[in-house]
């Protein structure tokens, strides 16, 4: 899912920022007041941050390389050196593992980061701020690597051990559940995130909530939420398009068209698919072909819709079914040369013969035959009728005979032959 993939990356980025900000605090935990701790309600007693004096120089150099951000491999190398040192105590090892894991993340090496971060937690020697930030980061990396079960288990552990009321923790939980297709759990987690954020919802939380409602078939809840979001941010294009899409999916084509058309009039529709969505909705509504034609023509005039066979064909159909015959013919004449198949020329020929423009109909039908048709008999039927209407009976018989060679038009052609041969 596209939405889910984007969400993964956003959640991970937020967790890495939190971890990066906390890394440099590892030596500064002694003497901190409880109120300054990021996890004041944690059940875990925060260990004293006490390193081995003989290793202090290497630890500081490792921190400096990491925080400078230019030599992550260098930071990892010093971390490995510290881990191999028999003098290293649990705290030294935990700090080295934390830095190595975050440095690996800094060079996008997620599989390499995981064992470092896991071992940092296993040492159980980091101060609470670093310990739980590492837990948050590791849960995010698990999610990034499609290890949803491990991620959710670690987030639940984080919540249990910290009594967390951090909305970002619940937002991460929601994102992992969403990516795992667990939509009921997503809804519960998003609601918690909103509750702990003083009732305010970030845009991506709302999008997850709306998408989860939609996935569960709770269209009414999804639409209601989408309407709230759109009312709150009427100039946000993404929110508007989401609401229009939900209207269309739930059979409210009139609302979808009205919303998109209002956006068009405001100049908010700037992409090809925006115009295509609007004219497609109009074409699926009774009696709205003229509106579809206006949208297509505007899209062409603005250069937003491509001037290709597909666009001109939809324009021609919209015009034809709104009784704008001459304009429809002109649109088909623009589409036909751009179509590599003969289908558009065939459609044009059929309209022309219905309008008693027989010479033009014959020419279009022959163009269709020249390009190739799966059912060439249909073009021969147009030619035959055109010849007949022009009193060219011999030519009509000859064309009907060609149409009779095609199984798709055989019966129809043979009946016509029998009638004009009497």
Protein backbone atom coordinates (compact mmCIF):
# COMPACT_ATOMS: atom_id res chain seq x y z
CA UNK A 1 0.00 0.00 0.00
CA UNK A 2 1.40 3.30 -1.00
CA UNK A 3 0.01 5.14 1.99
CA UNK A 4 1.42 2.50 4.32
CA UNK A 5 4.90 2.64 2.82
CA UNK A 6 5.08 6.40 3.19
CA UNK A 7 3.88 6.08 6.75
CA UNK A 8 6.65 3.64 7.63
CA UNK A 9 9.31 6.06 6.53
CA UNK A 10 7.78 8.99 8.39
CA UNK A 11 7.44 7.05 11.63
CA UNK A 12 11.00 5.78 11.44
CA UNK A 13 12.38 9.25 10.74
CA UNK A 14 10.62 10.64 13.81
CA UNK A 15 12.00 7.87 15.99
CA UNK A 16 15.54 8.40 14.72
CA UNK A 17 15.35 12.11 15.48
CA UNK A 18 14.30 11.30 19.04
CA UNK A 19 17.14 8.81 19.41
CA UNK A 20 19.71 11.19 17.96
CA UNK A 21 18.74 13.92 20.38
CA UNK A 22 19.02 11.57 23.33
CA UNK A 23 22.36 9.95 22.45
CA UNK A 24 24.45 12.83 23.67
CA UNK A 25 22.71 12.79 27.04
CA UNK A 26 24.10 9.44 28.10
CA UNK A 27 26.83 10.91 30.32
CA UNK A 28 24.61 13.61 31.76
CA UNK A 29 22.00 11.54 33.57
CA UNK A 30 23.60 11.75 37.00
CA UNK A 31 21.92 14.28 39.21
CA UNK A 32 18.94 14.83 36.92
CA UNK A 33 15.71 15.72 38.66
CA UNK A 34 12.85 13.29 38.14
CA UNK A 35 10.85 16.06 36.46
CA UNK A 36 13.51 16.35 33.72
CA UNK A 37 13.31 12.72 32.76
CA UNK A 38 11.51 11.85 29.56
CA UNK A 39 9.86 8.85 31.22
CA UNK A 40 8.92 10.03 34.73
CA UNK A 41 6.38 7.24 35.27
CA UNK A 42 8.72 4.39 34.30
CA UNK A 43 8.67 1.33 36.53
CA UNK A 44 12.36 0.72 35.76
CA UNK A 45 14.90 2.23 38.15
CA UNK A 46 17.24 4.32 36.03
CA UNK A 47 20.83 2.98 36.36
CA UNK A 48 23.68 5.32 37.14
CA UNK A 49 25.53 6.43 33.98
CA UNK A 50 29.04 5.50 35.06
CA UNK A 51 31.68 4.63 32.50
CA UNK A 52 35.09 3.02 33.00
CA UNK A 53 37.58 5.93 33.35
CA UNK A 54 40.22 4.28 31.11
CA UNK A 55 37.67 4.05 28.31
CA UNK A 56 36.42 7.63 28.63
CA UNK A 57 38.60 8.98 25.81
CA UNK A 58 37.37 6.37 23.31
CA UNK A 59 33.78 6.83 24.41
CA UNK A 60 34.01 10.59 23.93
CA UNK A 61 35.62 10.16 20.50
CA UNK A 62 32.84 7.74 19.52
CA UNK A 63 30.22 10.29 20.59
CA UNK A 64 31.99 13.06 18.69
CA UNK A 65 32.16 11.06 15.45
CA UNK A 66 28.52 10.10 15.71
CA UNK A 67 27.26 13.58 16.54
CA UNK A 68 29.38 15.10 13.76
CA UNK A 69 27.58 12.76 11.35
CA UNK A 70 30.39 12.53 8.81
CA UNK A 71 32.00 9.22 9.80
CA UNK A 72 29.44 6.70 11.00
CA UNK A 73 31.69 3.78 10.11
CA UNK A 74 34.39 5.36 12.31
CA UNK A 75 31.93 5.57 15.21
CA UNK A 76 30.99 1.92 14.70
CA UNK A 77 34.66 0.91 14.61
CA UNK A 78 35.32 2.57 18.00
CA UNK A 79 32.15 0.95 19.37
CA UNK A 80 33.45 -2.47 18.30
CA UNK A 81 36.81 -1.66 19.92
CA UNK A 82 35.05 -0.83 23.20
CA UNK A 83 32.96 -4.01 23.03
CA UNK A 84 36.12 -6.08 22.60
CA UNK A 85 37.82 -4.45 25.57
CA UNK A 86 37.78 -6.73 28.61
CA UNK A 87 37.73 -3.68 30.90
CA UNK A 88 34.39 -2.55 29.50
CA UNK A 89 31.54 -2.71 31.98
CA UNK A 90 27.88 -3.15 31.18
CA UNK A 91 27.30 0.60 30.83
CA UNK A 92 30.29 0.98 28.46
CA UNK A 93 28.99 -1.85 26.31
CA UNK A 94 25.44 -0.51 26.32
CA UNK A 95 26.59 2.96 25.20
CA UNK A 96 28.81 1.46 22.49
CA UNK A 97 25.94 -0.70 21.23
CA UNK A 98 23.51 2.23 21.25
CA UNK A 99 25.91 4.39 19.23
CA UNK A 100 26.76 1.57 16.81
CA UNK A 101 23.07 0.89 16.20
CA UNK A 102 22.21 4.52 15.59
CA UNK A 103 25.30 4.99 13.41
CA UNK A 104 24.20 2.03 11.27
CA UNK A 105 20.80 3.69 10.91
CA UNK A 106 22.60 6.88 9.89
CA UNK A 107 23.93 5.06 6.82
CA UNK A 108 20.59 3.31 6.17
CA UNK A 109 21.90 -0.12 7.17
CA UNK A 110 18.84 -1.27 9.08
CA UNK A 111 19.64 -5.03 9.26
CA UNK A 112 23.03 -4.17 10.75
CA UNK A 113 21.47 -1.78 13.27
CA UNK A 114 19.01 -4.29 14.72
CA UNK A 115 21.42 -6.59 16.63
CA UNK A 116 23.30 -3.60 18.05
CA UNK A 117 20.10 -2.04 19.39
CA UNK A 118 18.80 -5.37 20.69
CA UNK A 119 22.04 -5.97 22.60
CA UNK A 120 21.97 -2.40 23.97
CA UNK A 121 18.61 -3.18 25.56
CA UNK A 122 19.79 -6.56 26.80
CA UNK A 123 22.66 -4.92 28.71
CA UNK A 124 19.95 -3.06 30.69
CA UNK A 125 22.53 -0.47 31.75
CA UNK A 126 21.50 2.72 29.98
CA UNK A 127 19.74 5.55 31.81
CA UNK A 128 16.00 5.53 31.23
CA UNK A 129 16.00 8.32 28.66
CA UNK A 130 18.43 6.40 26.44
CA UNK A 131 17.08 2.94 27.25
CA UNK A 132 13.50 3.73 26.28
CA UNK A 133 14.48 5.94 23.33
CA UNK A 134 16.48 2.95 22.04
CA UNK A 135 13.42 0.76 22.53
CA UNK A 136 11.32 3.26 20.53
CA UNK A 137 13.90 3.36 17.75
CA UNK A 138 14.24 -0.43 17.57
CA UNK A 139 10.46 -0.83 17.33
CA UNK A 140 10.51 1.60 14.41
CA UNK A 141 13.31 -0.30 12.68
CA UNK A 142 11.43 -3.57 13.14
CA UNK A 143 8.47 -1.94 11.43
CA UNK A 144 10.65 -0.65 8.61
CA UNK A 145 11.96 -4.18 8.05
CA UNK A 146 8.43 -5.66 7.99
CA UNK A 147 8.89 -7.32 11.38
CA UNK A 148 5.49 -6.16 12.60
CA UNK A 149 5.03 -8.71 15.39
CA UNK A 150 8.36 -7.80 16.98
CA UNK A 151 7.63 -4.11 16.57
CA UNK A 152 4.21 -4.28 18.20
CA UNK A 153 5.49 -6.44 21.05
CA UNK A 154 8.29 -3.94 21.75
CA UNK A 155 5.96 -0.94 21.61
CA UNK A 156 3.58 -2.67 24.03
CA UNK A 157 6.54 -3.36 26.31
CA UNK A 158 7.58 0.30 26.09
CA UNK A 159 4.09 1.44 27.05
CA UNK A 160 3.88 -1.08 29.91
CA UNK A 161 7.30 -0.20 31.35
CA UNK A 162 6.94 3.59 31.06
CA UNK A 163 3.19 4.07 31.57
CA UNK A 164 3.63 6.25 28.50
CA UNK A 165 1.15 8.92 27.57
CA UNK A 166 3.31 10.07 24.68
CA UNK A 167 1.07 10.49 21.61
CA UNK A 168 4.01 9.72 19.31
CA UNK A 169 4.38 6.26 20.85
CA UNK A 170 0.74 5.50 20.12
CA UNK A 171 1.09 7.00 16.64
CA UNK A 172 3.96 4.60 16.00
CA UNK A 173 1.83 1.73 17.28
CA UNK A 174 -1.00 2.79 14.99
CA UNK A 175 1.34 2.95 12.01
CA UNK A 176 2.70 -0.55 12.59
CA UNK A 177 -0.79 -2.00 13.01
CA UNK A 178 -1.91 -0.20 9.86
CA UNK A 179 0.99 -1.54 7.81
CA UNK A 180 0.19 -5.02 9.12
CA UNK A 181 -3.43 -4.71 8.00
CA UNK A 182 -4.70 -4.69 11.61
CA UNK A 183 -7.24 -1.93 11.24
CA UNK A 184 -9.23 -2.31 14.46
CA UNK A 185 -6.00 -2.02 16.45
CA UNK A 186 -5.00 0.96 14.30
CA UNK A 187 -8.20 2.78 15.23
CA UNK A 188 -7.67 2.11 18.95
CA UNK A 189 -4.07 3.35 18.82
CA UNK A 190 -4.93 6.50 16.86
CA UNK A 191 -7.66 7.34 19.34
CA UNK A 192 -5.12 7.00 22.18
CA UNK A 193 -2.67 9.23 20.33
CA UNK A 194 -5.35 11.90 19.89
CA UNK A 195 -6.43 11.59 23.54
CA UNK A 196 -2.86 12.11 24.79
CA UNK A 197 -2.35 14.98 22.35
CA UNK A 198 -5.02 17.08 24.06
CA UNK A 199 -7.61 15.97 21.55
CA UNK A 200 -5.61 17.21 18.56
CA UNK A 201 -4.86 14.92 15.65
CA UNK A 202 -1.95 15.15 13.27
CA UNK A 203 -2.90 14.88 9.61
CA UNK A 204 -1.27 11.47 9.08
CA UNK A 205 -3.07 10.09 12.16
CA UNK A 206 -6.38 11.21 10.70
CA UNK A 207 -5.50 9.69 7.35
CA UNK A 208 -4.74 6.35 9.04
CA UNK A 209 -8.01 6.50 10.94
CA UNK A 210 -10.01 7.30 7.83
CA UNK A 211 -8.28 4.60 5.78
CA UNK A 212 -8.86 2.03 8.53
CA UNK A 213 -12.57 2.84 8.66
CA UNK A 214 -12.68 2.44 4.91
CA UNK A 215 -10.83 -0.90 4.99
CA UNK A 216 -13.28 -2.22 7.59
CA UNK A 217 -16.27 -1.23 5.51
CA UNK A 218 -17.22 1.52 7.94
CA UNK A 219 -17.80 3.99 5.11
CA UNK A 220 -20.09 6.17 7.17
CA UNK A 221 -17.40 6.75 9.80
CA UNK A 222 -14.79 7.30 7.06
CA UNK A 223 -16.94 9.87 5.27
CA UNK A 224 -17.84 11.67 8.49
CA UNK A 225 -14.17 11.98 9.43
CA UNK A 226 -13.20 13.06 5.91
CA UNK A 227 -15.88 15.75 5.98
CA UNK A 228 -14.54 17.04 9.31
CA UNK A 229 -11.01 17.17 7.91
CA UNK A 230 -12.11 18.96 4.76
CA UNK A 231 -14.17 21.49 6.70
CA UNK A 232 -11.16 22.15 8.91
CA UNK A 233 -8.76 22.54 5.96
CA UNK A 234 -10.86 23.51 2.92
CA UNK A 235 -7.80 24.52 0.88
CA UNK A 236 -5.89 21.30 1.50
CA UNK A 237 -5.95 19.46 -1.80
CA UNK A 238 -5.13 16.01 -0.45
CA UNK A 239 -7.93 16.18 2.12
CA UNK A 240 -10.38 17.33 -0.54
CA UNK A 241 -9.40 14.56 -2.95
CA UNK A 242 -9.73 11.94 -0.21
CA UNK A 243 -13.24 13.11 0.56
CA UNK A 244 -14.21 13.17 -3.12
CA UNK A 245 -12.86 9.64 -3.53
CA UNK A 246 -14.89 8.42 -0.55
CA UNK A 247 -18.02 10.09 -1.92
CA UNK A 248 -17.50 8.33 -5.24
CA UNK A 249 -16.85 4.96 -3.57
CA UNK A 250 -19.98 5.23 -1.46
CA UNK A 251 -22.26 6.12 -4.36
CA UNK A 252 -22.42 9.86 -3.70
CA UNK A 253 -21.35 10.85 -7.19
CA UNK A 254 -23.17 14.16 -7.05
CA UNK A 255 -21.25 15.22 -3.94
CA UNK A 256 -17.99 13.96 -5.39
CA UNK A 257 -18.52 15.89 -8.62
CA UNK A 258 -19.60 19.05 -6.82
CA UNK A 259 -16.57 18.96 -4.54
CA UNK A 260 -14.10 18.35 -7.36
CA UNK A 261 -15.72 20.94 -9.58
CA UNK A 262 -15.49 23.54 -6.86
CA UNK A 263 -11.81 22.66 -6.55
CA UNK A 264 -11.46 23.05 -10.32
CA UNK A 265 -12.97 26.50 -10.22
CA UNK A 266 -10.51 27.47 -7.47
CA UNK A 267 -7.58 26.24 -9.56
CA UNK A 268 -6.79 23.38 -7.17
CA UNK A 269 -6.87 20.67 -9.85
CA UNK A 270 -3.36 20.79 -11.26
CA UNK A 271 -2.60 17.20 -12.26
CA UNK A 272 -3.79 14.96 -15.07
CA UNK A 273 -5.43 12.47 -12.72
CA UNK A 274 -7.38 15.30 -11.03
CA UNK A 275 -9.14 16.15 -14.27
CA UNK A 276 -9.52 12.49 -15.22
CA UNK A 277 -11.22 11.71 -11.91
CA UNK A 278 -13.67 14.55 -12.35
CA UNK A 279 -14.68 13.82 -15.93
CA UNK A 280 -14.91 10.09 -15.16
CA UNK A 281 -17.40 10.83 -12.40
CA UNK A 282 -19.44 13.03 -14.73
CA UNK A 283 -19.44 10.33 -17.43
CA UNK A 284 -20.82 7.82 -14.92
CA UNK A 285 -23.71 10.13 -14.03
CA UNK A 286 -26.88 10.41 -16.07
CA UNK A 287 -27.09 13.56 -18.17
CA UNK A 288 -23.70 14.97 -17.16
CA UNK A 289 -21.87 14.39 -20.43
CA UNK A 290 -21.83 18.10 -21.27
CA UNK A 291 -20.09 18.84 -17.96
CA UNK A 292 -17.57 16.09 -18.69
CA UNK A 293 -16.85 17.65 -22.08
CA UNK A 294 -16.23 21.06 -20.49
CA UNK A 295 -13.81 19.58 -17.98
CA UNK A 296 -11.90 17.68 -20.68
CA UNK A 297 -11.70 20.71 -22.95
CA UNK A 298 -10.44 22.87 -20.09
CA UNK A 299 -7.84 20.28 -19.20
CA UNK A 300 -6.66 20.24 -22.81
CA UNK A 301 -6.61 24.03 -23.04
CA UNK A 302 -4.50 24.26 -19.87
CA UNK A 303 -2.12 21.55 -21.02
CA UNK A 304 -2.98 19.44 -17.98
CA UNK A 305 -4.61 16.68 -20.01
CA UNK A 306 -2.50 15.18 -22.80
CA UNK A 307 -3.67 15.81 -26.35
CA UNK A 308 -3.69 12.11 -27.16
CA UNK A 309 -6.13 9.63 -28.67
CA UNK A 310 -7.55 8.62 -25.30
CA UNK A 311 -8.35 12.16 -24.18
CA UNK A 312 -9.86 13.19 -27.52
CA UNK A 313 -11.92 9.99 -27.61
CA UNK A 314 -13.42 10.74 -24.19
CA UNK A 315 -14.07 14.29 -25.34
CA UNK A 316 -15.77 13.02 -28.49
CA UNK A 317 -17.96 10.60 -26.53
CA UNK A 318 -18.92 13.31 -24.04
CA UNK A 319 -19.87 15.67 -26.84
CA UNK A 320 -21.75 13.04 -28.82
CA UNK A 321 -23.89 11.92 -25.88
CA UNK A 322 -24.69 15.53 -25.05
CA UNK A 323 -25.97 16.01 -28.64
CA UNK A 324 -23.04 18.16 -29.77
CA UNK A 325 -22.58 16.14 -32.92
CA UNK A 326 -20.37 18.42 -35.01
CA UNK A 327 -18.03 19.03 -32.08
CA UNK A 328 -17.95 15.27 -31.42
CA UNK A 329 -16.97 14.58 -35.04
CA UNK A 330 -14.19 17.15 -34.82
CA UNK A 331 -12.89 15.56 -31.62
CA UNK A 332 -12.95 12.10 -33.20
CA UNK A 333 -11.07 13.49 -36.20
CA UNK A 334 -8.34 14.68 -33.81
CA UNK A 335 -8.27 11.33 -31.99
CA UNK A 336 -8.22 9.04 -35.02
CA UNK A 337 -4.73 9.91 -36.39
CA UNK A 338 -3.28 9.51 -32.89
CA UNK A 339 -4.77 6.04 -32.38
CA UNK A 340 -2.51 3.19 -33.51
CA UNK A 341 -5.54 0.91 -33.78
CA UNK A 342 -8.49 1.40 -36.09
CA UNK A 343 -11.05 1.59 -33.30
CA UNK A 344 -11.32 5.38 -33.18
CA UNK A 345 -11.69 5.67 -36.96
CA UNK A 346 -14.40 3.02 -36.80
CA UNK A 347 -16.31 4.95 -34.12
CA UNK A 348 -16.01 8.09 -36.22
CA UNK A 349 -17.30 6.29 -39.30
CA UNK A 350 -20.33 4.99 -37.40
CA UNK A 351 -21.27 8.48 -36.23
CA UNK A 352 -20.78 9.92 -39.71
CA UNK A 353 -23.00 7.32 -41.36
CA UNK A 354 -25.71 7.98 -38.75
CA UNK A 355 -25.48 11.65 -39.71
CA UNK A 356 -25.79 10.81 -43.43
CA UNK A 357 -22.26 12.06 -44.09
CA UNK A 358 -21.61 9.03 -46.20
CA UNK A 359 -18.46 9.97 -48.11
CA UNK A 360 -16.75 10.93 -44.86
CA UNK A 361 -18.05 7.74 -43.22
CA UNK A 362 -16.58 5.58 -46.00
CA UNK A 363 -13.21 7.30 -45.71
CA UNK A 364 -13.10 6.83 -41.93
CA UNK A 365 -14.12 3.17 -42.24
CA UNK A 366 -11.34 2.52 -44.76
CA UNK A 367 -8.84 4.21 -42.43
CA UNK A 368 -10.02 1.84 -39.72
CA UNK A 369 -9.49 -1.14 -42.02
CA UNK A 370 -6.03 0.11 -42.98
CA UNK A 371 -4.99 0.27 -39.31
CA UNK A 372 -6.44 -3.13 -38.53
CA UNK A 373 -9.56 -4.22 -36.67
CA UNK A 374 -10.42 -7.29 -34.63
CA UNK A 375 -13.85 -7.21 -36.27
CA UNK A 376 -13.33 -5.79 -39.77
CA UNK A 377 -16.91 -6.65 -40.68
CA UNK A 378 -18.10 -3.64 -38.67
CA UNK A 379 -16.17 -1.27 -40.95
CA UNK A 380 -17.46 -3.06 -44.03
CA UNK A 381 -21.02 -2.66 -42.74
CA UNK A 382 -20.46 1.12 -42.49
CA UNK A 383 -19.10 1.18 -46.05
CA UNK A 384 -21.98 -0.93 -47.30
CA UNK A 385 -24.64 1.27 -45.70
CA UNK A 386 -22.95 4.44 -46.94
CA UNK A 387 -22.84 3.09 -50.49
CA UNK A 388 -26.47 2.01 -50.22
CA UNK A 389 -27.61 5.43 -49.00
CA UNK A 390 -25.80 6.98 -51.97
CA UNK A 391 -27.63 4.54 -54.30
CA UNK A 392 -24.38 2.73 -55.18
CA UNK A 393 -26.06 -0.67 -54.92
CA UNK A 394 -23.37 -2.73 -56.61
CA UNK A 395 -20.72 -1.27 -54.31
CA UNK A 396 -23.04 -1.87 -51.34
CA UNK A 397 -23.44 -5.56 -52.28
CA UNK A 398 -19.69 -5.92 -52.58
CA UNK A 399 -19.15 -4.34 -49.13
CA UNK A 400 -21.87 -6.49 -47.54
CA UNK A 401 -20.17 -9.55 -49.02
CA UNK A 402 -16.93 -8.52 -47.29
CA UNK A 403 -18.82 -7.99 -44.02
CA UNK A 404 -20.31 -11.49 -44.37
CA UNK A 405 -16.79 -12.96 -44.14
CA UNK A 406 -16.54 -11.79 -40.53
CA UNK A 407 -18.38 -14.09 -38.07
CA UNK A 408 -19.29 -11.06 -35.97
CA UNK A 409 -21.31 -9.44 -38.78
CA UNK A 410 -22.11 -12.45 -40.98
CA UNK A 411 -25.81 -12.79 -40.17
CA UNK A 412 -26.46 -9.06 -40.35
CA UNK A 413 -24.63 -8.73 -43.67
CA UNK A 414 -26.38 -11.73 -45.24
CA UNK A 415 -29.80 -10.35 -44.31
CA UNK A 416 -28.92 -6.98 -45.83
CA UNK A 417 -27.65 -8.71 -48.99
CA UNK A 418 -30.87 -10.65 -49.31
CA UNK A 419 -32.95 -7.48 -48.99
CA UNK A 420 -31.09 -5.41 -51.58
CA UNK A 421 -30.92 -8.34 -54.02
CA UNK A 422 -34.69 -8.67 -54.32
